[in-house]
Amino acid sequence: MAESLLKFAAYGKSIAPPNWMFNNYPYVNRLYYIYGGTAFFTGGGRKHKLKPGYLYIFPYSIEFSAEQETKAPLDHLYFDFSVIPPISIDNFIEYEVKENTVPYHMIKAIELFLQGIENRQDTEIVKTLFDGLFSILCRELSIQRLNDSRINRVLELIHENYSLNLTNKYLADFVH
């Protein structure tokens, strides 16, 4: 598989503010690692509690919302991202991160790095660490990725030229 093209909409480690909540955004996946607090997501007609010590992947393709209990704010590591080749899953993933595993140490490395940076100019290092974690998760959890070279080239062009007015005809001509 070709190297991933990864873009972050947001990332960090924080305790969520009192009014924290979110809905899914088109084309943005979310990966959360939960340290503590009480939060729920609702999707597919059910409400699910986010558990400390677990990692969650919310693909862009599912509709959901999340909220927290204000008395127990969510403490979490979060990544809102897009990736090419895109992931192809139709439900959220809940993954227990056990101590002394590679995903556990990758999360700890990301956490330590985020504590040490004052601004987002070091995004490339975060991307490298995240891409390593994400690749491991894709392998361990058998997450499928769309691997159609023509579609991926178009997605990459859009990704790199988001502010341009790219027409369907231009994109079709681009992939012949």
Protein backbone atom coordinates (compact mmCIF):
# COMPACT_ATOMS: atom_id res chain seq x y z
CA MET A 1 0.00 0.00 0.00
CA ALA A 2 1.21 3.49 -0.78
CA GLU A 3 2.25 5.84 1.98
CA SER A 4 -0.65 7.60 3.70
CA LEU A 5 -1.47 11.24 3.15
CA LEU A 6 -2.58 12.49 6.54
CA LYS A 7 -4.11 15.86 7.47
CA PHE A 8 -5.23 17.00 10.89
CA ALA A 9 -8.22 19.24 11.44
CA ALA A 10 -7.33 19.30 15.16
CA TYR A 11 -5.36 17.30 17.71
CA GLY A 12 -4.26 17.56 21.29
CA LYS A 13 -4.60 16.33 24.83
CA SER A 14 -7.05 18.13 27.05
CA ILE A 15 -9.77 18.10 29.62
CA ALA A 16 -12.88 19.11 27.73
CA PRO A 17 -14.56 22.41 28.60
CA PRO A 18 -17.96 22.26 30.36
CA ASN A 19 -19.97 22.72 27.15
CA TRP A 20 -18.02 20.05 25.21
CA MET A 21 -19.93 18.09 22.61
CA PHE A 22 -19.47 17.23 18.96
CA ASN A 23 -21.21 15.84 15.93
CA ASN A 24 -19.60 14.04 13.06
CA TYR A 25 -18.17 16.15 10.25
CA PRO A 26 -18.09 14.97 6.65
CA TYR A 27 -14.65 13.62 5.65
CA VAL A 28 -13.14 13.95 9.14
CA ASN A 29 -12.39 10.83 11.15
CA ARG A 30 -11.85 11.02 14.89
CA LEU A 31 -9.52 8.99 17.06
CA TYR A 32 -9.85 9.43 20.83
CA TYR A 33 -7.95 7.85 23.68
CA ILE A 34 -9.80 8.27 26.98
CA TYR A 35 -7.93 8.98 30.23
CA GLY A 36 -10.94 9.75 32.42
CA GLY A 37 -14.21 11.61 32.81
CA THR A 38 -17.66 10.59 31.71
CA ALA A 39 -18.74 11.00 28.11
CA PHE A 40 -21.16 9.26 25.78
CA PHE A 41 -21.64 9.04 22.07
CA THR A 42 -24.93 8.34 20.41
CA GLY A 43 -25.14 6.67 17.03
CA GLY A 44 -27.13 3.98 15.31
CA GLY A 45 -29.96 4.39 17.79
CA ARG A 46 -27.91 3.63 20.88
CA LYS A 47 -25.93 5.48 23.53
CA HIS A 48 -22.45 4.21 24.43
CA LYS A 49 -20.22 5.27 27.33
CA LEU A 50 -16.60 6.06 26.49
CA LYS A 51 -14.31 4.08 28.81
CA PRO A 52 -10.95 5.13 30.27
CA GLY A 53 -8.05 3.12 28.85
CA TYR A 54 -9.85 2.63 25.54
CA LEU A 55 -9.22 4.08 22.15
CA TYR A 56 -12.11 4.96 19.84
CA ILE A 57 -12.14 5.46 16.10
CA PHE A 58 -15.14 7.29 14.68
CA PRO A 59 -15.10 7.14 10.86
CA TYR A 60 -16.43 10.10 8.92
CA SER A 61 -19.02 7.87 7.30
CA ILE A 62 -21.21 7.34 10.37
CA GLU A 63 -23.59 9.84 11.92
CA PHE A 64 -23.18 10.31 15.64
CA SER A 65 -22.93 12.87 18.40
CA ALA A 66 -21.03 12.96 21.67
CA GLU A 67 -21.45 14.76 24.95
CA GLN A 68 -20.06 14.64 28.45
CA GLU A 69 -21.34 14.88 31.98
CA THR A 70 -20.34 18.34 33.17
CA LYS A 71 -19.50 17.04 36.66
CA ALA A 72 -16.91 14.65 35.20
CA PRO A 73 -15.26 16.36 32.20
CA LEU A 74 -13.63 14.20 29.57
CA ASP A 75 -9.84 13.90 29.75
CA HIS A 76 -8.64 12.67 26.38
CA LEU A 77 -6.10 12.58 23.60
CA TYR A 78 -7.84 13.46 20.34
CA PHE A 79 -7.19 13.56 16.62
CA ASP A 80 -9.61 14.84 14.00
CA PHE A 81 -8.07 13.74 10.72
CA SER A 82 -8.47 12.75 7.12
CA VAL A 83 -6.30 10.14 5.49
CA ILE A 84 -5.66 8.82 1.99
CA PRO A 85 -6.20 5.97 1.30
CA PRO A 86 -9.39 6.50 3.32
CA ILE A 87 -10.60 4.02 5.89
CA SER A 88 -13.56 1.91 4.90
CA ILE A 89 -15.52 1.04 8.05
CA ASP A 90 -19.18 1.62 8.78
CA ASN A 91 -19.21 1.65 12.58
CA PHE A 92 -17.16 3.05 15.42
CA ILE A 93 -14.31 0.98 16.83
CA GLU A 94 -13.68 0.52 20.54
CA TYR A 95 -10.22 -0.85 21.38
CA GLU A 96 -8.82 -1.57 24.82
CA VAL A 97 -5.25 -0.32 25.01
CA LYS A 98 -3.38 -2.69 27.28
CA GLU A 99 -0.24 -1.59 29.10
CA ASN A 100 3.13 -2.52 27.59
CA THR A 101 1.76 -3.01 24.10
CA VAL A 102 2.99 -1.11 21.05
CA PRO A 103 -0.22 1.01 20.80
CA TYR A 104 0.13 1.90 24.50
CA HIS A 105 3.71 3.08 24.02
CA MET A 106 2.82 4.98 20.84
CA ILE A 107 0.06 6.82 22.73
CA LYS A 108 2.50 7.61 25.56
CA ALA A 109 5.05 8.93 23.04
CA ILE A 110 2.43 11.19 21.44
CA GLU A 111 1.29 12.38 24.87
CA LEU A 112 4.86 13.20 25.96
CA PHE A 113 5.58 15.01 22.71
CA LEU A 114 2.39 17.08 22.97
CA GLN A 115 3.36 18.13 26.51
CA GLY A 116 6.65 19.44 25.19
CA ILE A 117 5.44 21.63 22.34
CA GLU A 118 4.24 25.18 22.72
CA ASN A 119 2.86 25.59 19.20
CA ARG A 120 1.73 23.43 16.29
CA GLN A 121 4.85 23.95 14.15
CA ASP A 122 6.02 20.45 15.01
CA THR A 123 3.04 18.83 13.30
CA GLU A 124 5.27 16.58 11.18
CA ILE A 125 6.53 14.74 14.25
CA VAL A 126 2.97 14.33 15.54
CA LYS A 127 1.94 13.07 12.09
CA THR A 128 4.76 10.53 12.09
CA LEU A 129 3.84 9.23 15.55
CA PHE A 130 0.12 9.20 14.75
CA ASP A 131 0.68 7.50 11.38
CA GLY A 132 2.65 4.76 13.14
CA LEU A 133 -0.11 4.26 15.71
CA PHE A 134 -2.81 4.32 13.04
CA SER A 135 -0.95 1.81 10.85
CA ILE A 136 -0.62 -0.57 13.80
CA LEU A 137 -4.33 -0.19 14.61
CA CYS A 138 -5.32 -0.80 10.99
CA ARG A 139 -3.30 -4.01 11.00
CA GLU A 140 -4.42 -5.24 14.44
CA LEU A 141 -8.08 -4.38 13.92
CA SER A 142 -8.24 -5.37 10.22
CA ILE A 143 -9.38 -1.89 9.23
CA GLN A 144 -9.85 -1.83 5.49
CA ARG A 145 -8.61 1.10 3.45
CA LEU A 146 -9.88 2.07 0.02
CA ASN A 147 -7.10 1.17 -2.34
CA ASP A 148 -8.25 2.35 -5.76
CA SER A 149 -5.33 4.29 -7.21
CA ARG A 150 -7.48 6.55 -9.41
CA ILE A 151 -9.79 7.54 -6.57
CA ASN A 152 -6.85 8.01 -4.22
CA ARG A 153 -5.09 10.30 -6.74
CA VAL A 154 -8.26 12.43 -7.03
CA LEU A 155 -8.64 12.54 -3.25
CA GLU A 156 -4.99 13.55 -2.89
CA LEU A 157 -5.42 16.33 -5.48
CA ILE A 158 -8.48 17.63 -3.63
CA HIS A 159 -6.66 17.29 -0.31
CA GLU A 160 -3.70 19.34 -1.54
CA ASN A 161 -5.80 21.95 -3.38
CA TYR A 162 -8.78 22.28 -1.09
CA SER A 163 -9.15 26.02 -1.64
CA LEU A 164 -9.31 25.75 -5.45
CA ASN A 165 -12.52 25.34 -7.41
CA LEU A 166 -11.89 21.87 -8.84
CA THR A 167 -14.68 20.82 -11.18
CA ASN A 168 -15.87 17.28 -11.77
CA LYS A 169 -14.67 17.56 -15.37
CA TYR A 170 -11.20 18.63 -14.26
CA LEU A 171 -11.01 15.72 -11.80
CA ALA A 172 -12.26 13.24 -14.44
CA ASP A 173 -9.68 14.52 -16.94
CA PHE A 174 -7.00 14.29 -14.24
CA VAL A 175 -7.47 10.50 -13.97
CA HIS A 176 -8.19 10.07 -17.70
